PDB file of N, CA and C in Angstrom:
ATOM      1  N   MET A   1      39.770  -1.687 -57.354  1.00  0.00           N
ATOM      2  CA  MET A   1      40.063  -3.084 -57.644  1.00  0.00           C
ATOM      3  C   MET A   1      39.246  -3.124 -58.783  1.00  0.00           C
ATOM      4  N   PHE A   2      39.555  -3.993 -59.877  1.00  0.00           N
ATOM      5  CA  PHE A   2      38.627  -4.534 -60.838  1.00  0.00           C
ATOM      6  C   PHE A   2      37.745  -5.474 -60.313  1.00  0.00           C
ATOM      7  N   ARG A   3      36.434  -5.354 -60.880  1.00  0.00           N
ATOM      8  CA  ARG A   3      35.484  -6.541 -60.421  1.00  0.00           C
ATOM      9  C   ARG A   3      34.940  -6.863 -61.375  1.00  0.00           C
ATOM     10  N   HIS A   4      34.656  -8.071 -61.630  1.00  0.00           N
ATOM     11  CA  HIS A   4      34.058  -8.942 -62.764  1.00  0.00           C
ATOM     12  C   HIS A   4      32.823  -8.258 -63.026  1.00  0.00           C
ATOM     13  N   PRO A   5      32.612  -8.394 -64.336  1.00  0.00           N
ATOM     14  CA  PRO A   5      31.375  -7.992 -64.733  1.00  0.00           C
ATOM     15  C   PRO A   5      30.228  -8.494 -64.364  1.00  0.00           C
ATOM     16  N   CYS A   6      30.269  -9.907 -63.645  1.00  0.00           N
ATOM     17  CA  CYS A   6      29.384 -10.670 -63.633  1.00  0.00           C
ATOM     18  C   CYS A   6      28.426 -10.117 -62.329  1.00  0.00           C
ATOM     19  N   TYR A   7      29.717  -9.658 -61.474  1.00  0.00           N
ATOM     20  CA  TYR A   7      29.561  -9.047 -59.858  1.00  0.00           C
ATOM     21  C   TYR A   7      28.169  -7.860 -60.398  1.00  0.00           C
ATOM     22  N   LEU A   8      28.732  -7.180 -60.967  1.00  0.00           N
ATOM     23  CA  LEU A   8      27.441  -5.813 -61.451  1.00  0.00           C
ATOM     24  C   LEU A   8      26.270  -6.169 -62.248  1.00  0.00           C
ATOM     25  N   GLY A   9      26.607  -7.356 -62.706  1.00  0.00           N
ATOM     26  CA  GLY A   9      25.205  -7.641 -63.826  1.00  0.00           C
ATOM     27  C   GLY A   9      25.582  -7.015 -64.905  1.00  0.00           C
ATOM     28  N   ILE A  10      26.401  -6.805 -65.506  1.00  0.00           N
ATOM     29  CA  ILE A  10      26.719  -6.114 -66.800  1.00  0.00           C
ATOM     30  C   ILE A  10      27.241  -7.491 -67.877  1.00  0.00           C
ATOM     31  N   PRO A  11      26.550  -7.490 -68.788  1.00  0.00           N
ATOM     32  CA  PRO A  11      26.903  -8.356 -70.021  1.00  0.00           C
ATOM     33  C   PRO A  11      28.230  -8.072 -70.283  1.00  0.00           C
ATOM     34  N   TRP A  12      29.104  -8.709 -70.975  1.00  0.00           N
ATOM     35  CA  TRP A  12      30.378  -8.758 -71.432  1.00  0.00           C
ATOM     36  C   TRP A  12      30.594  -7.884 -72.778  1.00  0.00           C
ATOM     37  N   GLU A  13      28.927  -7.729 -73.501  1.00  0.00           N
ATOM     38  CA  GLU A  13      28.793  -7.223 -74.835  1.00  0.00           C
ATOM     39  C   GLU A  13      28.857  -5.810 -74.150  1.00  0.00           C
ATOM     40  N   MET A  14      28.454  -5.496 -73.221  1.00  0.00           N
ATOM     41  CA  MET A  14      28.165  -4.173 -72.990  1.00  0.00           C
ATOM     42  C   MET A  14      29.403  -3.935 -72.252  1.00  0.00           C
ATOM     43  N   HIS A  15      30.415  -4.430 -71.733  1.00  0.00           N
ATOM     44  CA  HIS A  15      31.507  -3.950 -71.092  1.00  0.00           C
ATOM     45  C   HIS A  15      32.390  -3.940 -72.295  1.00  0.00           C
ATOM     46  N   TRP A  16      32.796  -4.700 -73.151  1.00  0.00           N
ATOM     47  CA  TRP A  16      33.864  -4.577 -74.096  1.00  0.00           C
ATOM     48  C   TRP A  16      32.912  -4.786 -75.609  1.00  0.00           C
ATOM     49  N   ASP A  17      33.772  -4.228 -76.644  1.00  0.00           N
ATOM     50  CA  ASP A  17      33.183  -4.497 -77.728  1.00  0.00           C
ATOM     51  C   ASP A  17      33.818  -6.042 -78.176  1.00  0.00           C
ATOM     52  N   GLN A  18      33.157  -6.475 -79.321  1.00  0.00           N
ATOM     53  CA  GLN A  18      33.884  -8.099 -79.508  1.00  0.00           C
ATOM     54  C   GLN A  18      35.172  -8.601 -79.606  1.00  0.00           C
ATOM     55  N   LYS A  19      35.974  -7.481 -80.159  1.00  0.00           N
ATOM     56  CA  LYS A  19      37.557  -7.810 -80.061  1.00  0.00           C
ATOM     57  C   LYS A  19      38.107  -7.564 -79.050  1.00  0.00           C
ATOM     58  N   GLU A  20      37.966  -6.698 -77.767  1.00  0.00           N
ATOM     59  CA  GLU A  20      38.385  -6.790 -76.518  1.00  0.00           C
ATOM     60  C   GLU A  20      37.887  -7.734 -75.953  1.00  0.00           C
ATOM     61  N   ARG A  21      36.714  -8.056 -75.758  1.00  0.00           N
ATOM     62  CA  ARG A  21      36.050  -9.635 -74.943  1.00  0.00           C
ATOM     63  C   ARG A  21      36.521 -10.552 -75.407  1.00  0.00           C
ATOM     64  N   ARG A  22      37.083 -10.657 -76.952  1.00  0.00           N
ATOM     65  CA  ARG A  22      37.592 -12.245 -77.198  1.00  0.00           C
ATOM     66  C   ARG A  22      38.904 -12.080 -76.582  1.00  0.00           C
ATOM     67  N   LYS A  23      39.963 -11.258 -76.904  1.00  0.00           N
ATOM     68  CA  LYS A  23      41.128 -11.252 -76.516  1.00  0.00           C
ATOM     69  C   LYS A  23      41.227 -10.973 -74.585  1.00  0.00           C
ATOM     70  N   HIS A  24      39.996 -10.654 -73.893  1.00  0.00           N
ATOM     71  CA  HIS A  24      40.646 -10.360 -72.852  1.00  0.00           C
ATOM     72  C   HIS A  24      39.550 -11.787 -71.926  1.00  0.00           C
ATOM     73  N   HIS A  25      38.594 -12.030 -72.206  1.00  0.00           N
ATOM     74  CA  HIS A  25      37.361 -13.180 -71.665  1.00  0.00           C
ATOM     75  C   HIS A  25      38.339 -14.260 -71.258  1.00  0.00           C
ATOM     76  N   HIS A  26      39.150 -14.835 -71.613  1.00  0.00           N
ATOM     77  CA  HIS A  26      39.677 -16.144 -71.010  1.00  0.00           C
ATOM     78  C   HIS A  26      40.638 -16.067 -69.872  1.00  0.00           C
ATOM     79  N   VAL A  27      41.445 -14.533 -70.058  1.00  0.00           N
ATOM     80  CA  VAL A  27      42.270 -14.426 -68.764  1.00  0.00           C
ATOM     81  C   VAL A  27      41.496 -14.083 -67.736  1.00  0.00           C
ATOM     82  N   LEU A  28      40.497 -13.197 -67.847  1.00  0.00           N
ATOM     83  CA  LEU A  28      39.321 -12.758 -66.431  1.00  0.00           C
ATOM     84  C   LEU A  28      38.678 -13.808 -66.051  1.00  0.00           C
ATOM     85  N   LEU A  29      38.223 -14.605 -67.039  1.00  0.00           N
ATOM     86  CA  LEU A  29      37.445 -16.237 -66.587  1.00  0.00           C
ATOM     87  C   LEU A  29      38.430 -16.834 -65.710  1.00  0.00           C
ATOM     88  N   THR A  30      39.737 -17.305 -65.941  1.00  0.00           N
ATOM     89  CA  THR A  30      40.336 -17.982 -65.382  1.00  0.00           C
ATOM     90  C   THR A  30      40.649 -17.385 -63.842  1.00  0.00           C
ATOM     91  N   LEU A  31      41.205 -16.214 -63.967  1.00  0.00           N
ATOM     92  CA  LEU A  31      41.099 -15.351 -62.722  1.00  0.00           C
ATOM     93  C   LEU A  31      40.154 -15.393 -61.552  1.00  0.00           C
ATOM     94  N   PHE A  32      39.030 -15.400 -62.277  1.00  0.00           N
ATOM     95  CA  PHE A  32      37.475 -15.327 -61.904  1.00  0.00           C
ATOM     96  C   PHE A  32      37.180 -16.756 -61.194  1.00  0.00           C
ATOM     97  N   LEU A  33      37.882 -17.840 -61.728  1.00  0.00           N
ATOM     98  CA  LEU A  33      37.245 -18.968 -61.408  1.00  0.00           C
ATOM     99  C   LEU A  33      38.569 -19.668 -60.126  1.00  0.00           C
ATOM    100  N   ILE A  34      39.552 -19.153 -60.372  1.00  0.00           N
ATOM    101  CA  ILE A  34      40.835 -19.094 -59.169  1.00  0.00           C
ATOM    102  C   ILE A  34      40.327 -18.783 -58.044  1.00  0.00           C
ATOM    103  N   LEU A  35      39.587 -17.695 -58.078  1.00  0.00           N
ATOM    104  CA  LEU A  35      39.028 -16.756 -56.884  1.00  0.00           C
ATOM    105  C   LEU A  35      37.977 -17.544 -56.298  1.00  0.00           C
ATOM    106  N   VAL A  36      36.986 -17.847 -56.778  1.00  0.00           N
ATOM    107  CA  VAL A  36      36.149 -18.850 -56.563  1.00  0.00           C
ATOM    108  C   VAL A  36      36.723 -20.099 -55.929  1.00  0.00           C
ATOM    109  N   ALA A  37      37.831 -20.644 -56.274  1.00  0.00           N
ATOM    110  CA  ALA A  37      37.969 -21.993 -55.614  1.00  0.00           C
ATOM    111  C   ALA A  37      38.213 -21.366 -54.551  1.00  0.00           C
ATOM    112  N   MET A  38      39.382 -20.401 -54.366  1.00  0.00           N
ATOM    113  CA  MET A  38      39.974 -20.249 -53.258  1.00  0.00           C
ATOM    114  C   MET A  38      38.765 -20.317 -52.114  1.00  0.00           C
ATOM    115  N   PHE A  39      37.602 -19.343 -52.251  1.00  0.00           N
ATOM    116  CA  PHE A  39      36.796 -19.118 -51.666  1.00  0.00           C
ATOM    117  C   PHE A  39      35.674 -20.191 -51.428  1.00  0.00           C
TER     118      PHE A  39
END
């Protein structure tokens, strides 16, 4: 299962290059916030 990079302490810049980070960041952040809201 995919883990949010923050769980692993990995900065976004290390996890993806700038283009990929820009493309996926808002989607993953939204899912992360939903999970936080559930718990």
